Amino acid sequence: MSVHIPSGGYLILEPGPIVEGPGGGAIGITLGIDSGVQPIRITSIGDLSVVGMTGGFDGRIVFVVHVGGAGAVNFPAESLSATATDRFADAVGMDPDEGRAFIYDGSLSRWKKLTL
């Protein structure tokens, strides 16, 4: 599943088909982001896997904030559910009220966790 986040950058996911995959597991989504969207704010009730992000170019930095809800947001490394150039190089987890920064590495064609 792909979710495009337009200007405003807010994503709310609630229980039901959009969050639950086959067998009741967390579904994987790819975030499509516009050039002006900062930060991406996610509210998730239930665990969510973000398997990739579109719009990467060398040096691009994207901030993702989990603004609430009961579930974790996970960014699995090298998920085959995402296009190769949209994948994350590092596995990253995020609980409610936490944020993460990612930088796109053009030589790897992957999103990497940015540590400050």
C-alpha atoms as a PDB file:
ATOM      1  CA  MET A   1       0.000   0.000   0.000  1.00  0.00           C
ATOM      2  CA  SER A   2       1.226   3.499  -0.797  1.00  0.00           C
ATOM      3  CA  VAL A   3       0.104   6.601   1.039  1.00  0.00           C
ATOM      4  CA  HIS A   4       0.802  10.021  -0.468  1.00  0.00           C
ATOM      5  CA  ILE A   5       1.231  12.813   2.068  1.00  0.00           C
ATOM      6  CA  PRO A   6       0.503  16.246   0.538  1.00  0.00           C
ATOM      7  CA  SER A   7       1.454  19.612   2.000  1.00  0.00           C
ATOM      8  CA  GLY A   8       0.465  19.634   5.646  1.00  0.00           C
ATOM      9  CA  GLY A   9       2.163  16.283   6.203  1.00  0.00           C
ATOM     10  CA  TYR A  10      -0.256  14.624   8.621  1.00  0.00           C
ATOM     11  CA  LEU A  11      -1.176  10.943   8.559  1.00  0.00           C
ATOM     12  CA  ILE A  12      -3.723   9.344  10.893  1.00  0.00           C
ATOM     13  CA  LEU A  13      -4.128   5.576  10.833  1.00  0.00           C
ATOM     14  CA  GLU A  14      -6.916   3.849  12.710  1.00  0.00           C
ATOM     15  CA  PRO A  15      -7.759   0.177  13.296  1.00  0.00           C
ATOM     16  CA  GLY A  16      -9.303  -1.661  10.399  1.00  0.00           C
ATOM     17  CA  PRO A  17      -8.269  -2.658   6.903  1.00  0.00           C
ATOM     18  CA  ILE A  18      -5.773   0.166   6.487  1.00  0.00           C
ATOM     19  CA  VAL A  19      -3.723  -0.929   9.514  1.00  0.00           C
ATOM     20  CA  GLU A  20      -4.331  -4.668   9.678  1.00  0.00           C
ATOM     21  CA  GLY A  21      -2.821  -6.920   7.059  1.00  0.00           C
ATOM     22  CA  PRO A  22      -3.653 -10.544   6.285  1.00  0.00           C
ATOM     23  CA  GLY A  23      -3.793 -12.565   9.507  1.00  0.00           C
ATOM     24  CA  GLY A  24      -4.132  -9.419  11.634  1.00  0.00           C
ATOM     25  CA  GLY A  25      -0.479  -8.349  11.350  1.00  0.00           C
ATOM     26  CA  ALA A  26       0.674  -4.790  10.819  1.00  0.00           C
ATOM     27  CA  ILE A  27       0.485  -3.701   7.211  1.00  0.00           C
ATOM     28  CA  GLY A  28       3.458  -2.138   5.439  1.00  0.00           C
ATOM     29  CA  ILE A  29       3.058   1.216   3.721  1.00  0.00           C
ATOM     30  CA  THR A  30       5.296   3.369   1.543  1.00  0.00           C
ATOM     31  CA  LEU A  31       5.150   7.094   2.265  1.00  0.00           C
ATOM     32  CA  GLY A  32       5.056   9.366  -0.789  1.00  0.00           C
ATOM     33  CA  ILE A  33       6.256  12.802   0.271  1.00  0.00           C
ATOM     34  CA  ASP A  34       6.108  16.175  -1.451  1.00  0.00           C
ATOM     35  CA  SER A  35       9.164  18.401  -1.423  1.00  0.00           C
ATOM     36  CA  GLY A  36       7.668  20.844   1.099  1.00  0.00           C
ATOM     37  CA  VAL A  37       6.378  18.376   3.693  1.00  0.00           C
ATOM     38  CA  GLN A  38       8.197  18.740   7.021  1.00  0.00           C
ATOM     39  CA  PRO A  39       7.839  17.079   9.433  1.00  0.00           C
ATOM     40  CA  ILE A  40       5.714  14.024   8.718  1.00  0.00           C
ATOM     41  CA  ARG A  41       3.460  13.479  11.734  1.00  0.00           C
ATOM     42  CA  ILE A  42       1.967  10.018  12.264  1.00  0.00           C
ATOM     43  CA  THR A  43      -0.737   8.881  14.669  1.00  0.00           C
ATOM     44  CA  SER A  44      -1.176   5.125  14.716  1.00  0.00           C
ATOM     45  CA  ILE A  45      -3.521   2.974  16.761  1.00  0.00           C
ATOM     46  CA  GLY A  46      -1.817  -0.382  16.411  1.00  0.00           C
ATOM     47  CA  ASP A  47       1.619  -1.250  15.091  1.00  0.00           C
ATOM     48  CA  LEU A  48       2.563   0.157  11.695  1.00  0.00           C
ATOM     49  CA  SER A  49       5.450  -0.665   9.356  1.00  0.00           C
ATOM     50  CA  VAL A  50       6.637   2.048   6.997  1.00  0.00           C
ATOM     51  CA  VAL A  51       8.538   0.010   4.404  1.00  0.00           C
ATOM     52  CA  GLY A  52       9.773   2.918   2.285  1.00  0.00           C
ATOM     53  CA  MET A  53       9.601   6.608   1.378  1.00  0.00           C
ATOM     54  CA  THR A  54       9.493   8.078  -2.109  1.00  0.00           C
ATOM     55  CA  GLY A  55      11.035  11.395  -3.078  1.00  0.00           C
ATOM     56  CA  GLY A  56      14.602  10.612  -2.044  1.00  0.00           C
ATOM     57  CA  PHE A  57      17.547  12.518  -3.481  1.00  0.00           C
ATOM     58  CA  ASP A  58      21.129  12.722  -2.219  1.00  0.00           C
ATOM     59  CA  GLY A  59      21.274  14.662   1.040  1.00  0.00           C
ATOM     60  CA  ARG A  60      17.523  15.055   1.531  1.00  0.00           C
ATOM     61  CA  ILE A  61      16.574  15.048   5.215  1.00  0.00           C
ATOM     62  CA  VAL A  62      13.089  14.047   6.379  1.00  0.00           C
ATOM     63  CA  PHE A  63      11.772  14.222   9.940  1.00  0.00           C
ATOM     64  CA  VAL A  64       9.079  11.762  11.064  1.00  0.00           C
ATOM     65  CA  VAL A  65       7.265  12.277  14.385  1.00  0.00           C
ATOM     66  CA  HIS A  66       4.942   9.766  16.079  1.00  0.00           C
ATOM     67  CA  VAL A  67       2.545  12.219  17.693  1.00  0.00           C
ATOM     68  CA  GLY A  68       0.389   9.703  19.513  1.00  0.00           C
ATOM     69  CA  GLY A  69      -1.557   6.505  19.550  1.00  0.00           C
ATOM     70  CA  ALA A  70      -0.974   3.142  21.126  1.00  0.00           C
ATOM     71  CA  GLY A  71       1.211   1.353  18.596  1.00  0.00           C
ATOM     72  CA  ALA A  72       4.810   1.463  17.484  1.00  0.00           C
ATOM     73  CA  VAL A  73       5.894   2.712  14.069  1.00  0.00           C
ATOM     74  CA  ASN A  74       8.666   0.599  12.564  1.00  0.00           C
ATOM     75  CA  PHE A  75      10.889   1.238   9.569  1.00  0.00           C
ATOM     76  CA  PRO A  76      12.267  -2.186   8.556  1.00  0.00           C
ATOM     77  CA  ALA A  77      15.590  -2.387   6.731  1.00  0.00           C
ATOM     78  CA  GLU A  78      15.633  -3.522   3.105  1.00  0.00           C
ATOM     79  CA  SER A  79      11.935  -4.443   2.947  1.00  0.00           C
ATOM     80  CA  LEU A  80      11.079  -6.232  -0.282  1.00  0.00           C
ATOM     81  CA  SER A  81       7.624  -4.609  -0.057  1.00  0.00           C
ATOM     82  CA  ALA A  82       9.145  -1.290  -1.194  1.00  0.00           C
ATOM     83  CA  THR A  83      10.829  -0.285  -4.436  1.00  0.00           C
ATOM     84  CA  ALA A  84      14.596  -0.653  -4.013  1.00  0.00           C
ATOM     85  CA  THR A  85      15.300   3.106  -4.132  1.00  0.00           C
ATOM     86  CA  ASP A  86      12.604   3.808  -1.485  1.00  0.00           C
ATOM     87  CA  ARG A  87      13.965   1.395   1.143  1.00  0.00           C
ATOM     88  CA  PHE A  88      15.615   2.048   4.495  1.00  0.00           C
ATOM     89  CA  ALA A  89      19.213   0.926   5.020  1.00  0.00           C
ATOM     90  CA  ASP A  90      18.763   0.694   8.804  1.00  0.00           C
ATOM     91  CA  ALA A  91      15.935  -0.826  10.858  1.00  0.00           C
ATOM     92  CA  VAL A  92      14.425   1.875  13.058  1.00  0.00           C
ATOM     93  CA  GLY A  93      11.626   1.765  15.635  1.00  0.00           C
ATOM     94  CA  MET A  94       9.612   4.629  17.056  1.00  0.00           C
ATOM     95  CA  ASP A  95       7.219   4.695  20.015  1.00  0.00           C
ATOM     96  CA  PRO A  96       4.534   7.334  20.602  1.00  0.00           C
ATOM     97  CA  ASP A  97       5.923  10.825  21.284  1.00  0.00           C
ATOM     98  CA  GLU A  98       9.245  10.040  19.590  1.00  0.00           C
ATOM     99  CA  GLY A  99      10.740  11.335  16.371  1.00  0.00           C
ATOM    100  CA  ARG A 100      13.374  10.188  13.890  1.00  0.00           C
ATOM    101  CA  ALA A 101      15.352  11.858  11.146  1.00  0.00           C
ATOM    102  CA  PHE A 102      16.330  10.152   7.913  1.00  0.00           C
ATOM    103  CA  ILE A 103      18.809  11.234   5.238  1.00  0.00           C
ATOM    104  CA  TYR A 104      18.828   9.915   1.695  1.00  0.00           C
ATOM    105  CA  ASP A 105      22.188   8.486   0.642  1.00  0.00           C
ATOM    106  CA  GLY A 106      22.385   8.803  -3.131  1.00  0.00           C
ATOM    107  CA  SER A 107      25.384   6.460  -3.413  1.00  0.00           C
ATOM    108  CA  LEU A 108      23.409   3.670  -1.677  1.00  0.00           C
ATOM    109  CA  SER A 109      19.998   4.738  -3.031  1.00  0.00           C
ATOM    110  CA  ARG A 110      18.627   4.199   0.482  1.00  0.00           C
ATOM    111  CA  TRP A 111      17.237   6.177   3.420  1.00  0.00           C
ATOM    112  CA  LYS A 112      19.580   6.085   6.430  1.00  0.00           C
ATOM    113  CA  LYS A 113      18.872   6.953  10.046  1.00  0.00           C
ATOM    114  CA  LEU A 114      20.339  10.346  10.817  1.00  0.00           C
ATOM    115  CA  THR A 115      21.926  10.489  14.239  1.00  0.00           C
ATOM    116  CA  LEU A 116      22.476  13.924  15.725  1.00  0.00           C
END
